[in-house]
Amino acid sequence: MVDATAGHEMLTFTDASAGFQQIQMEPSDQEDTAFMTPTGIYCYTAMPFGLKNAGATYQRLVNMMFKDKLGDTMEVYIDDMVVKSKITEDHLRDLQESFDILDRYNMKLNPSKCHFGVRSGKFLGYMVTKRGIEASPEQIQAILNLKSPTNVKEVQSWNKGDMLIRHVVR
């Protein structure tokens, strides 16, 4: 999915608001989610977070919702969605089509986690751009923060660490 997202001129990253809880429970399954409180016995009418198959059920739903768009103008992994356009001029149309589908299924987005009409962004932990997949600044921060060695002993220390890594890898 990340590879398929790279190389597009325009991207929109969206995130479903309370993803699993937007899926209504089958009435016959609601009883299986029963829990007791001091004021009575209750059950969930929408899928609660933490059910064993919640992730798979949600992925099945979004795959079905966007089946005509997946791999073409959209990629979806659970509640993370990206609308992608090879040509900037097509992006509004691609976005409208995805919003129409979301509206048809009454699925809500979390606006604070959405980034509309951008040239690059994070999808599934990777930084994607038109050029391809790039290192995410958070992932390389430890390397960027490394202090340069200032004396022979520190250089030797780095070399020992390098030798250890190569030895373990072999």
Foldseek 3Di string as FASTA:
>chain_A
DQQLQAQFQWKKKWFFDQQQQLAFDDVVCQVVQWDADPVGIGTRRTGDPPDPCSQVVQVVVVCVLCVVPDSPQWDDRRGIIMGGHNDLVCRVVSVVVVVVSCVVSVIHTDVVPMDGTDQWDDDPRWIHGSVGTDHDCVVCVVVVPDDDDDDPVVVVVVVVVVVVVVVVVD
